[in-house]
Structures are given as C-alpha cells and as structure tokens.
Amino acid sequence: MASAQRTPFIGGNWKMNTNASEGSALIQALGCIGQHDQVDVAVFPPMPYLSMIAQHAKDAGIAVGAQNFWHEGNGAFTGEVSIEMLKDIGATTALIGHSERRHVIGESDDLINAKTKAAIAGGVQAVLCVGETLDQREAGKTDAVNETQIRAGLAGVSKADLGSVVIAYEPVWAIGTGKTATPEDAQNAHVNIRELIANMYDQQAADAIRIIYGGSMKPDNAAELISMADIDGGLIGGASLKADDFAAIIEAGTASLV
C-alpha cells in the first residue's frame, strides 16, 4: 500500500503528440471524470497548446505543466520559454531531465540542475526525471546512475525547497517499448532513491518526497505498481493520450490509499 502521508501524483506526458482539436477533446474528456481530491493529477501538453489546455483544465482539478523551459529569465534566448511565461499561461509544474531530453536532445546534468533550481525559484513544481539505459541496467548500474543523476539534479537544492520536487524514476529501456520493470524491481529502485534522499537530507525529507514511476505504466499494471510502498504514482506516456486509460490509472492511484 502506498504511504498515506504522500498524495499520489499521476502525470500525463503527451510528448510531441496531439493537435489543437485532439488536445482539447482529451482534456475535456478528462474533465468529465470529476475532481480527484485524493490524487494530484497533471498533464504536460505540447507547448503550442499549453495555454488552451490550461483553460480547459482549470475547473477539472487538473494541473497543467510544461515539458521543457529555459532556466534563465526573459531576455535574448531565441526560441526558448521562461518560467515567467509558463506561469503567465497557467502552468504550475514542469518536467526536467526526461530521458528524451537527456539522451535525444543532449541535456547535461548541469543544465538539468539549473532548470530544477529555476523552477523552484519561480514557484513551479519540478518533476525531476532519472533512470538508467538498458546497457546500464544489464551492467548492474541502476542505483549508481540514479544516484549520480539525483545528486546532480538536486545540487544546491535545500531541504525546504525539496517540497517543490517530485522525482520520477523512469528506466529508459521501459519508455515507449511496452517493457515495464516488475513491481518488485521498481519498488527496489524507489527504496534506494528514498534512502539516498535520507542520506542527502534526512529521514523526514525522504519520507515526504514523492517518487513516481515512469516506464510503460498502463491500466493493467498501474494498480500493482502504485500499490508498492514507495511508488507514489506515475508519469504516463502513451496511456495518457487515451482518456479512459488515463482515468483508470488515476483510479489506481486513488485505490492505493485505501
């Protein structure tokens, strides 16, 4: 059973999918599901549609976040978007360090750390993503990779600011592949991440921080994953593009508190 002291977080990362009409229909369908008082729900639409989705989500109890942003304030950064701009159009949370940003776009640990601190300073929740590749997993480096990425991502982040951070463990080999870490493997990784936070900060901080799982979470495996003691929700990719599937995962998050 998930910890009663940590509110489950279910995030839907739409990635570079949907158009204006599809996104509008999706968020309105999610809004029809009703309020989710026991679970924090967020969607991360493509940037062009973020403002529109935020308007639809306002009355549905669904937070809206950005998939990316620049870590400095408004200025001469052509093509980038600032935290101030995101807040202006209704974003309250943001993904940082997603594996596609790390491994496809080439973002460094230093840049990810700068973004984490910028989000916190700007009053936006930081969803810090970490996880190992298949080669790293097969070499037994899962925990070492997670530790390196978390220590780098949280460098200079105080215990007081840690309340603005959600950690998403997303094994790279399980993203969009249909492969999923077993609930036991995912739980083990989450336990080790929580122990790392205790070592970096203290046990109180470790008990409070939410650590969610991302990696082909679907309606048929969500309940088993989220029921694990240290898995506090999920960062959902493909299943978040189908309202019924995403709703089923939200319900799994609610059921984990019973």
C-alpha atoms as a PDB file:
ATOM      1  CA  MET A   1       0.000   0.000   0.000  1.00  0.00           C
ATOM      2  CA  ALA A   2       1.271   3.463  -0.870  1.00  0.00           C
ATOM      3  CA  SER A   3       2.128   5.767   2.001  1.00  0.00           C
ATOM      4  CA  ALA A   4      -0.901   7.589   3.388  1.00  0.00           C
ATOM      5  CA  GLN A   5       1.268  10.630   4.122  1.00  0.00           C
ATOM      6  CA  ARG A   6       2.167  11.153   0.451  1.00  0.00           C
ATOM      7  CA  THR A   7      -0.527  12.224  -2.017  1.00  0.00           C
ATOM      8  CA  PRO A   8      -0.202  10.142  -5.197  1.00  0.00           C
ATOM      9  CA  PHE A   9       0.866  12.101  -8.281  1.00  0.00           C
ATOM     10  CA  ILE A  10      -0.345  10.993 -11.701  1.00  0.00           C
ATOM     11  CA  GLY A  11       1.191  12.919 -14.598  1.00  0.00           C
ATOM     12  CA  GLY A  12       0.348  12.561 -18.274  1.00  0.00           C
ATOM     13  CA  ASN A  13       3.228  13.408 -20.617  1.00  0.00           C
ATOM     14  CA  TRP A  14       1.706  13.941 -24.059  1.00  0.00           C
ATOM     15  CA  LYS A  15       5.165  14.415 -25.586  1.00  0.00           C
ATOM     16  CA  MET A  16       5.068  15.667 -29.208  1.00  0.00           C
ATOM     17  CA  ASN A  17       1.550  14.349 -29.826  1.00  0.00           C
ATOM     18  CA  THR A  18      -1.963  15.764 -30.372  1.00  0.00           C
ATOM     19  CA  ASN A  19      -3.126  18.808 -32.271  1.00  0.00           C
ATOM     20  CA  ALA A  20      -5.398  21.596 -31.039  1.00  0.00           C
ATOM     21  CA  SER A  21      -8.659  19.699 -31.535  1.00  0.00           C
ATOM     22  CA  GLU A  22      -7.317  16.406 -30.187  1.00  0.00           C
ATOM     23  CA  GLY A  23      -5.804  18.055 -27.125  1.00  0.00           C
ATOM     24  CA  SER A  24      -8.990  19.972 -26.429  1.00  0.00           C
ATOM     25  CA  ALA A  25     -11.099  16.822 -26.715  1.00  0.00           C
ATOM     26  CA  LEU A  26      -8.721  14.889 -24.458  1.00  0.00           C
ATOM     27  CA  ILE A  27      -8.636  17.419 -21.632  1.00  0.00           C
ATOM     28  CA  GLN A  28     -12.395  17.890 -21.788  1.00  0.00           C
ATOM     29  CA  ALA A  29     -12.887  14.127 -21.561  1.00  0.00           C
ATOM     30  CA  LEU A  30     -10.612  14.042 -18.536  1.00  0.00           C
ATOM     31  CA  GLY A  31     -12.559  16.930 -17.017  1.00  0.00           C
ATOM     32  CA  CYS A  32     -15.742  14.865 -17.222  1.00  0.00           C
ATOM     33  CA  ILE A  33     -14.205  12.280 -14.913  1.00  0.00           C
ATOM     34  CA  GLY A  34     -14.630  14.656 -11.994  1.00  0.00           C
ATOM     35  CA  GLN A  35     -12.479  16.050  -9.226  1.00  0.00           C
ATOM     36  CA  HIS A  36      -9.672  13.987  -7.722  1.00  0.00           C
ATOM     37  CA  ASP A  37      -9.317  15.206  -4.169  1.00  0.00           C
ATOM     38  CA  GLN A  38      -7.009  12.389  -3.055  1.00  0.00           C
ATOM     39  CA  VAL A  39      -4.684  12.347  -6.062  1.00  0.00           C
ATOM     40  CA  ASP A  40      -2.699  15.127  -7.731  1.00  0.00           C
ATOM     41  CA  VAL A  41      -3.281  14.924 -11.487  1.00  0.00           C
ATOM     42  CA  ALA A  42      -1.290  16.860 -14.090  1.00  0.00           C
ATOM     43  CA  VAL A  43      -0.951  16.831 -17.864  1.00  0.00           C
ATOM     44  CA  PHE A  44       2.045  18.022 -19.859  1.00  0.00           C
ATOM     45  CA  PRO A  45       0.826  19.011 -23.343  1.00  0.00           C
ATOM     46  CA  PRO A  46       2.968  20.251 -26.237  1.00  0.00           C
ATOM     47  CA  MET A  47       3.940  23.894 -25.739  1.00  0.00           C
ATOM     48  CA  PRO A  48       1.739  25.380 -28.518  1.00  0.00           C
ATOM     49  CA  TYR A  49      -1.384  24.063 -26.787  1.00  0.00           C
ATOM     50  CA  LEU A  50      -0.426  24.633 -23.166  1.00  0.00           C
ATOM     51  CA  SER A  51      -2.434  27.832 -22.712  1.00  0.00           C
ATOM     52  CA  MET A  52      -5.559  26.327 -24.262  1.00  0.00           C
ATOM     53  CA  ILE A  53      -5.289  23.122 -22.230  1.00  0.00           C
ATOM     54  CA  ALA A  54      -4.786  25.159 -19.045  1.00  0.00           C
ATOM     55  CA  GLN A  55      -8.084  26.952 -19.648  1.00  0.00           C
ATOM     56  CA  HIS A  56      -9.955  23.660 -20.073  1.00  0.00           C
ATOM     57  CA  ALA A  57      -8.222  22.063 -17.072  1.00  0.00           C
ATOM     58  CA  LYS A  58      -8.917  24.916 -14.676  1.00  0.00           C
ATOM     59  CA  ASP A  59     -12.273  23.637 -13.449  1.00  0.00           C
ATOM     60  CA  ALA A  60     -11.368  19.951 -13.579  1.00  0.00           C
ATOM     61  CA  GLY A  61      -8.858  19.861 -10.745  1.00  0.00           C
ATOM     62  CA  ILE A  62      -6.091  19.008 -13.212  1.00  0.00           C
ATOM     63  CA  ALA A  63      -2.764  20.836 -13.145  1.00  0.00           C
ATOM     64  CA  VAL A  64      -1.017  21.720 -16.387  1.00  0.00           C
ATOM     65  CA  GLY A  65       2.718  21.600 -16.846  1.00  0.00           C
ATOM     66  CA  ALA A  66       5.454  22.194 -19.383  1.00  0.00           C
ATOM     67  CA  GLN A  67       7.593  19.531 -20.993  1.00  0.00           C
ATOM     68  CA  ASN A  68      10.511  21.963 -21.200  1.00  0.00           C
ATOM     69  CA  PHE A  69      11.622  25.541 -20.475  1.00  0.00           C
ATOM     70  CA  TRP A  70      14.756  27.683 -20.287  1.00  0.00           C
ATOM     71  CA  HIS A  71      16.407  28.236 -16.928  1.00  0.00           C
ATOM     72  CA  GLU A  72      17.018  31.979 -17.237  1.00  0.00           C
ATOM     73  CA  GLY A  73      14.588  34.861 -17.079  1.00  0.00           C
ATOM     74  CA  ASN A  74      13.056  36.670 -20.024  1.00  0.00           C
ATOM     75  CA  GLY A  75      15.637  38.008 -22.456  1.00  0.00           C
ATOM     76  CA  ALA A  76      17.659  37.225 -25.545  1.00  0.00           C
ATOM     77  CA  PHE A  77      17.094  33.471 -25.770  1.00  0.00           C
ATOM     78  CA  THR A  78      15.526  32.967 -29.174  1.00  0.00           C
ATOM     79  CA  GLY A  79      13.144  30.041 -29.366  1.00  0.00           C
ATOM     80  CA  GLU A  80      13.044  29.439 -25.616  1.00  0.00           C
ATOM     81  CA  VAL A  81      10.305  29.837 -22.987  1.00  0.00           C
ATOM     82  CA  SER A  82      10.814  31.129 -19.444  1.00  0.00           C
ATOM     83  CA  ILE A  83       9.260  30.117 -16.149  1.00  0.00           C
ATOM     84  CA  GLU A  84       7.572  33.545 -16.046  1.00  0.00           C
ATOM     85  CA  MET A  85       5.899  32.842 -19.391  1.00  0.00           C
ATOM     86  CA  LEU A  86       4.776  29.397 -18.281  1.00  0.00           C
ATOM     87  CA  LYS A  87       3.182  30.753 -15.133  1.00  0.00           C
ATOM     88  CA  ASP A  88       1.505  33.503 -17.142  1.00  0.00           C
ATOM     89  CA  ILE A  89      -0.385  30.927 -19.211  1.00  0.00           C
ATOM     90  CA  GLY A  90      -1.331  28.704 -16.288  1.00  0.00           C
ATOM     91  CA  ALA A  91       1.461  26.156 -15.871  1.00  0.00           C
ATOM     92  CA  THR A  92       2.219  25.114 -12.298  1.00  0.00           C
ATOM     93  CA  THR A  93       4.603  22.211 -12.858  1.00  0.00           C
ATOM     94  CA  ALA A  94       7.316  21.182 -15.311  1.00  0.00           C
ATOM     95  CA  LEU A  95       9.227  18.100 -16.402  1.00  0.00           C
ATOM     96  CA  ILE A  96      13.000  18.301 -16.024  1.00  0.00           C
ATOM     97  CA  GLY A  97      15.602  15.804 -17.218  1.00  0.00           C
ATOM     98  CA  HIS A  98      13.236  13.480 -19.072  1.00  0.00           C
ATOM     99  CA  SER A  99      15.240  10.730 -20.746  1.00  0.00           C
ATOM    100  CA  GLU A 100      14.386  12.095 -24.187  1.00  0.00           C
ATOM    101  CA  ARG A 101      15.814  15.466 -23.179  1.00  0.00           C
ATOM    102  CA  ARG A 102      18.918  13.760 -21.769  1.00  0.00           C
ATOM    103  CA  HIS A 103      19.583  11.160 -24.462  1.00  0.00           C
ATOM    104  CA  VAL A 104      17.996  12.578 -27.628  1.00  0.00           C
ATOM    105  CA  ILE A 105      18.385  16.339 -27.088  1.00  0.00           C
ATOM    106  CA  GLY A 106      21.629  16.002 -25.147  1.00  0.00           C
ATOM    107  CA  GLU A 107      20.883  17.954 -21.967  1.00  0.00           C
ATOM    108  CA  SER A 108      23.653  17.781 -19.382  1.00  0.00           C
ATOM    109  CA  ASP A 109      23.418  17.238 -15.635  1.00  0.00           C
ATOM    110  CA  ASP A 110      24.464  20.869 -15.113  1.00  0.00           C
ATOM    111  CA  LEU A 111      21.655  22.173 -17.328  1.00  0.00           C
ATOM    112  CA  ILE A 112      19.132  19.906 -15.622  1.00  0.00           C
ATOM    113  CA  ASN A 113      20.271  21.213 -12.240  1.00  0.00           C
ATOM    114  CA  ALA A 114      19.938  24.814 -13.457  1.00  0.00           C
ATOM    115  CA  LYS A 115      16.402  24.096 -14.630  1.00  0.00           C
ATOM    116  CA  THR A 116      15.478  22.412 -11.344  1.00  0.00           C
ATOM    117  CA  LYS A 117      16.635  25.419  -9.339  1.00  0.00           C
ATOM    118  CA  ALA A 118      14.959  27.855 -11.744  1.00  0.00           C
ATOM    119  CA  ALA A 119      11.617  26.057 -11.447  1.00  0.00           C
ATOM    120  CA  ILE A 120      11.772  26.075  -7.655  1.00  0.00           C
ATOM    121  CA  ALA A 121      12.828  29.722  -7.521  1.00  0.00           C
ATOM    122  CA  GLY A 122       9.991  30.614  -9.884  1.00  0.00           C
ATOM    123  CA  GLY A 123       7.352  28.827  -7.837  1.00  0.00           C
ATOM    124  CA  VAL A 124       6.823  25.926 -10.249  1.00  0.00           C
ATOM    125  CA  GLN A 125       6.880  22.299  -9.163  1.00  0.00           C
ATOM    126  CA  ALA A 126       9.871  20.421 -10.565  1.00  0.00           C
ATOM    127  CA  VAL A 127       9.330  16.843 -11.741  1.00  0.00           C
ATOM    128  CA  LEU A 128      12.923  15.614 -11.880  1.00  0.00           C
ATOM    129  CA  CYS A 129      13.280  12.543 -14.107  1.00  0.00           C
ATOM    130  CA  VAL A 130      16.053   9.989 -13.608  1.00  0.00           C
ATOM    131  CA  GLY A 131      16.730   6.487 -14.864  1.00  0.00           C
ATOM    132  CA  GLU A 132      19.129   4.045 -16.452  1.00  0.00           C
ATOM    133  CA  THR A 133      19.549   2.779 -20.008  1.00  0.00           C
ATOM    134  CA  LEU A 134      19.326  -0.920 -20.874  1.00  0.00           C
ATOM    135  CA  ASP A 135      23.130  -1.240 -21.035  1.00  0.00           C
ATOM    136  CA  GLN A 136      23.438   0.381 -17.620  1.00  0.00           C
ATOM    137  CA  ARG A 137      20.748  -1.885 -16.184  1.00  0.00           C
ATOM    138  CA  GLU A 138      22.392  -5.026 -17.554  1.00  0.00           C
ATOM    139  CA  ALA A 139      25.705  -3.856 -16.072  1.00  0.00           C
ATOM    140  CA  GLY A 140      24.068  -3.576 -12.636  1.00  0.00           C
ATOM    141  CA  LYS A 141      24.394   0.211 -12.554  1.00  0.00           C
ATOM    142  CA  THR A 142      20.740   1.187 -11.953  1.00  0.00           C
ATOM    143  CA  ASP A 143      21.256   2.569  -8.457  1.00  0.00           C
ATOM    144  CA  ALA A 144      24.573   4.224  -9.317  1.00  0.00           C
ATOM    145  CA  VAL A 145      23.046   6.008 -12.320  1.00  0.00           C
ATOM    146  CA  ASN A 146      20.052   7.151 -10.290  1.00  0.00           C
ATOM    147  CA  GLU A 147      22.340   8.438  -7.542  1.00  0.00           C
ATOM    148  CA  THR A 148      24.523  10.368  -9.983  1.00  0.00           C
ATOM    149  CA  GLN A 149      21.541  11.973 -11.669  1.00  0.00           C
ATOM    150  CA  ILE A 150      19.752  12.822  -8.407  1.00  0.00           C
ATOM    151  CA  ARG A 151      22.825  14.274  -6.714  1.00  0.00           C
ATOM    152  CA  ALA A 152      23.498  16.386  -9.794  1.00  0.00           C
ATOM    153  CA  GLY A 153      19.873  17.414 -10.282  1.00  0.00           C
ATOM    154  CA  LEU A 154      19.405  18.425  -6.645  1.00  0.00           C
ATOM    155  CA  ALA A 155      22.786  20.111  -6.166  1.00  0.00           C
ATOM    156  CA  GLY A 156      22.173  23.338  -4.272  1.00  0.00           C
ATOM    157  CA  VAL A 157      18.535  22.482  -3.508  1.00  0.00           C
ATOM    158  CA  SER A 158      17.738  22.924   0.183  1.00  0.00           C
ATOM    159  CA  LYS A 159      15.566  20.660   2.294  1.00  0.00           C
ATOM    160  CA  ALA A 160      12.973  23.433   2.467  1.00  0.00           C
ATOM    161  CA  ASP A 161      12.831  23.569  -1.338  1.00  0.00           C
ATOM    162  CA  LEU A 162      12.596  19.785  -1.687  1.00  0.00           C
ATOM    163  CA  GLY A 163       8.849  20.076  -1.104  1.00  0.00           C
ATOM    164  CA  SER A 164       8.629  21.577  -4.604  1.00  0.00           C
ATOM    165  CA  VAL A 165      10.223  18.484  -6.170  1.00  0.00           C
ATOM    166  CA  VAL A 166       8.765  15.194  -7.383  1.00  0.00           C
ATOM    167  CA  ILE A 167      11.245  12.540  -8.503  1.00  0.00           C
ATOM    168  CA  ALA A 168      10.208  10.396 -11.460  1.00  0.00           C
ATOM    169  CA  TYR A 169      12.117   7.139 -11.840  1.00  0.00           C
ATOM    170  CA  GLU A 170      11.845   6.201 -15.495  1.00  0.00           C
ATOM    171  CA  PRO A 171      14.048   3.360 -16.691  1.00  0.00           C
ATOM    172  CA  VAL A 172      14.965   4.410 -20.216  1.00  0.00           C
ATOM    173  CA  TRP A 173      14.624   0.868 -21.555  1.00  0.00           C
ATOM    174  CA  ALA A 174      10.960   0.780 -20.492  1.00  0.00           C
ATOM    175  CA  ILE A 175       9.803   4.042 -22.071  1.00  0.00           C
ATOM    176  CA  GLY A 176       7.553   3.553 -25.058  1.00  0.00           C
ATOM    177  CA  THR A 177       8.802  -0.021 -25.502  1.00  0.00           C
ATOM    178  CA  GLY A 178       5.964  -1.839 -23.803  1.00  0.00           C
ATOM    179  CA  LYS A 179       8.509  -3.264 -21.368  1.00  0.00           C
ATOM    180  CA  THR A 180       7.925  -2.472 -17.722  1.00  0.00           C
ATOM    181  CA  ALA A 181      10.044  -3.013 -14.650  1.00  0.00           C
ATOM    182  CA  THR A 182       8.426  -5.594 -12.417  1.00  0.00           C
ATOM    183  CA  PRO A 183       6.683  -4.031  -9.412  1.00  0.00           C
ATOM    184  CA  GLU A 184       9.400  -5.530  -7.229  1.00  0.00           C
ATOM    185  CA  ASP A 185      12.226  -4.107  -9.353  1.00  0.00           C
ATOM    186  CA  ALA A 186      10.560  -0.696  -9.468  1.00  0.00           C
ATOM    187  CA  GLN A 187       9.959  -0.759  -5.718  1.00  0.00           C
ATOM    188  CA  ASN A 188      13.586  -1.668  -5.091  1.00  0.00           C
ATOM    189  CA  ALA A 189      14.777   1.283  -7.176  1.00  0.00           C
ATOM    190  CA  HIS A 190      12.377   3.604  -5.342  1.00  0.00           C
ATOM    191  CA  VAL A 191      13.541   2.344  -1.929  1.00  0.00           C
ATOM    192  CA  ASN A 192      17.143   3.069  -2.869  1.00  0.00           C
ATOM    193  CA  ILE A 193      16.225   6.539  -4.140  1.00  0.00           C
ATOM    194  CA  ARG A 194      14.429   7.253  -0.863  1.00  0.00           C
ATOM    195  CA  GLU A 195      17.442   6.060   1.105  1.00  0.00           C
ATOM    196  CA  LEU A 196      19.634   8.352  -0.990  1.00  0.00           C
ATOM    197  CA  ILE A 197      17.399  11.321  -0.151  1.00  0.00           C
ATOM    198  CA  ALA A 198      17.689  10.399   3.534  1.00  0.00           C
ATOM    199  CA  ASN A 199      21.471  10.434   3.200  1.00  0.00           C
ATOM    200  CA  MET A 200      21.496  13.717   1.292  1.00  0.00           C
ATOM    201  CA  TYR A 201      18.984  15.437   3.574  1.00  0.00           C
ATOM    202  CA  ASP A 202      17.342  13.471   6.403  1.00  0.00           C
ATOM    203  CA  GLN A 203      14.700  10.807   7.001  1.00  0.00           C
ATOM    204  CA  GLN A 204      11.912  13.362   7.274  1.00  0.00           C
ATOM    205  CA  ALA A 205      12.720  14.660   3.795  1.00  0.00           C
ATOM    206  CA  ALA A 206      12.930  11.115   2.448  1.00  0.00           C
ATOM    207  CA  ASP A 207       9.554  10.175   3.926  1.00  0.00           C
ATOM    208  CA  ALA A 208       7.906  13.272   2.481  1.00  0.00           C
ATOM    209  CA  ILE A 209       9.198  13.332  -1.114  1.00  0.00           C
ATOM    210  CA  ARG A 210       7.085  11.696  -3.780  1.00  0.00           C
ATOM    211  CA  ILE A 211       8.846   9.239  -6.078  1.00  0.00           C
ATOM    212  CA  ILE A 212       6.759   8.184  -9.083  1.00  0.00           C
ATOM    213  CA  TYR A 213       7.336   5.520 -11.724  1.00  0.00           C
ATOM    214  CA  GLY A 214       7.507   6.203 -15.455  1.00  0.00           C
ATOM    215  CA  GLY A 215       8.023   3.443 -17.955  1.00  0.00           C
ATOM    216  CA  SER A 216       5.076   1.926 -19.831  1.00  0.00           C
ATOM    217  CA  MET A 217       2.621   2.225 -16.938  1.00  0.00           C
ATOM    218  CA  LYS A 218      -0.796   1.182 -18.225  1.00  0.00           C
ATOM    219  CA  PRO A 219      -4.234   0.414 -16.775  1.00  0.00           C
ATOM    220  CA  ASP A 220      -3.388  -3.284 -16.465  1.00  0.00           C
ATOM    221  CA  ASN A 221      -0.232  -2.784 -14.391  1.00  0.00           C
ATOM    222  CA  ALA A 222      -0.836   0.563 -12.651  1.00  0.00           C
ATOM    223  CA  ALA A 223      -2.564  -0.799  -9.563  1.00  0.00           C
ATOM    224  CA  GLU A 224       0.174  -3.319  -8.829  1.00  0.00           C
ATOM    225  CA  LEU A 225       2.920  -0.739  -9.349  1.00  0.00           C
ATOM    226  CA  ILE A 226       1.302   2.067  -7.349  1.00  0.00           C
ATOM    227  CA  SER A 227       0.389  -0.312  -4.512  1.00  0.00           C
ATOM    228  CA  MET A 228       4.089  -0.654  -3.717  1.00  0.00           C
ATOM    229  CA  ALA A 229       5.015   1.194  -0.539  1.00  0.00           C
ATOM    230  CA  ASP A 230       7.498   3.576  -2.153  1.00  0.00           C
ATOM    231  CA  ILE A 231       5.825   4.160  -5.537  1.00  0.00           C
ATOM    232  CA  ASP A 232       3.768   7.332  -5.194  1.00  0.00           C
ATOM    233  CA  GLY A 233       2.164   7.490  -8.629  1.00  0.00           C
ATOM    234  CA  GLY A 234       3.231   7.512 -12.234  1.00  0.00           C
ATOM    235  CA  LEU A 235       4.473   9.569 -15.145  1.00  0.00           C
ATOM    236  CA  ILE A 236       2.414   8.231 -18.011  1.00  0.00           C
ATOM    237  CA  GLY A 237       3.269   8.450 -21.698  1.00  0.00           C
ATOM    238  CA  GLY A 238       1.163   6.645 -24.284  1.00  0.00           C
ATOM    239  CA  ALA A 239      -1.680   5.748 -21.922  1.00  0.00           C
ATOM    240  CA  SER A 240      -2.193   9.432 -21.074  1.00  0.00           C
ATOM    241  CA  LEU A 241      -3.343  10.068 -24.653  1.00  0.00           C
ATOM    242  CA  LYS A 242      -6.467   7.954 -24.087  1.00  0.00           C
ATOM    243  CA  ALA A 243      -8.881   9.446 -21.562  1.00  0.00           C
ATOM    244  CA  ASP A 244     -10.243   6.086 -20.392  1.00  0.00           C
ATOM    245  CA  ASP A 245      -6.780   4.619 -19.873  1.00  0.00           C
ATOM    246  CA  PHE A 246      -5.533   7.679 -18.012  1.00  0.00           C
ATOM    247  CA  ALA A 247      -8.672   7.714 -15.854  1.00  0.00           C
ATOM    248  CA  ALA A 248      -8.078   4.064 -14.938  1.00  0.00           C
ATOM    249  CA  ILE A 249      -4.541   4.902 -13.795  1.00  0.00           C
ATOM    250  CA  ILE A 250      -5.855   7.823 -11.736  1.00  0.00           C
ATOM    251  CA  GLU A 251      -8.306   5.412 -10.102  1.00  0.00           C
ATOM    252  CA  ALA A 252      -5.401   3.062  -9.330  1.00  0.00           C
ATOM    253  CA  GLY A 253      -3.714   5.957  -7.547  1.00  0.00           C
ATOM    254  CA  THR A 254      -6.834   6.613  -5.507  1.00  0.00           C
ATOM    255  CA  ALA A 255      -7.254   2.923  -4.674  1.00  0.00           C
ATOM    256  CA  SER A 256      -3.669   2.746  -3.382  1.00  0.00           C
ATOM    257  CA  LEU A 257      -4.697   4.907  -0.422  1.00  0.00           C
ATOM    258  CA  VAL A 258      -7.421   2.538   0.774  1.00  0.00           C
END
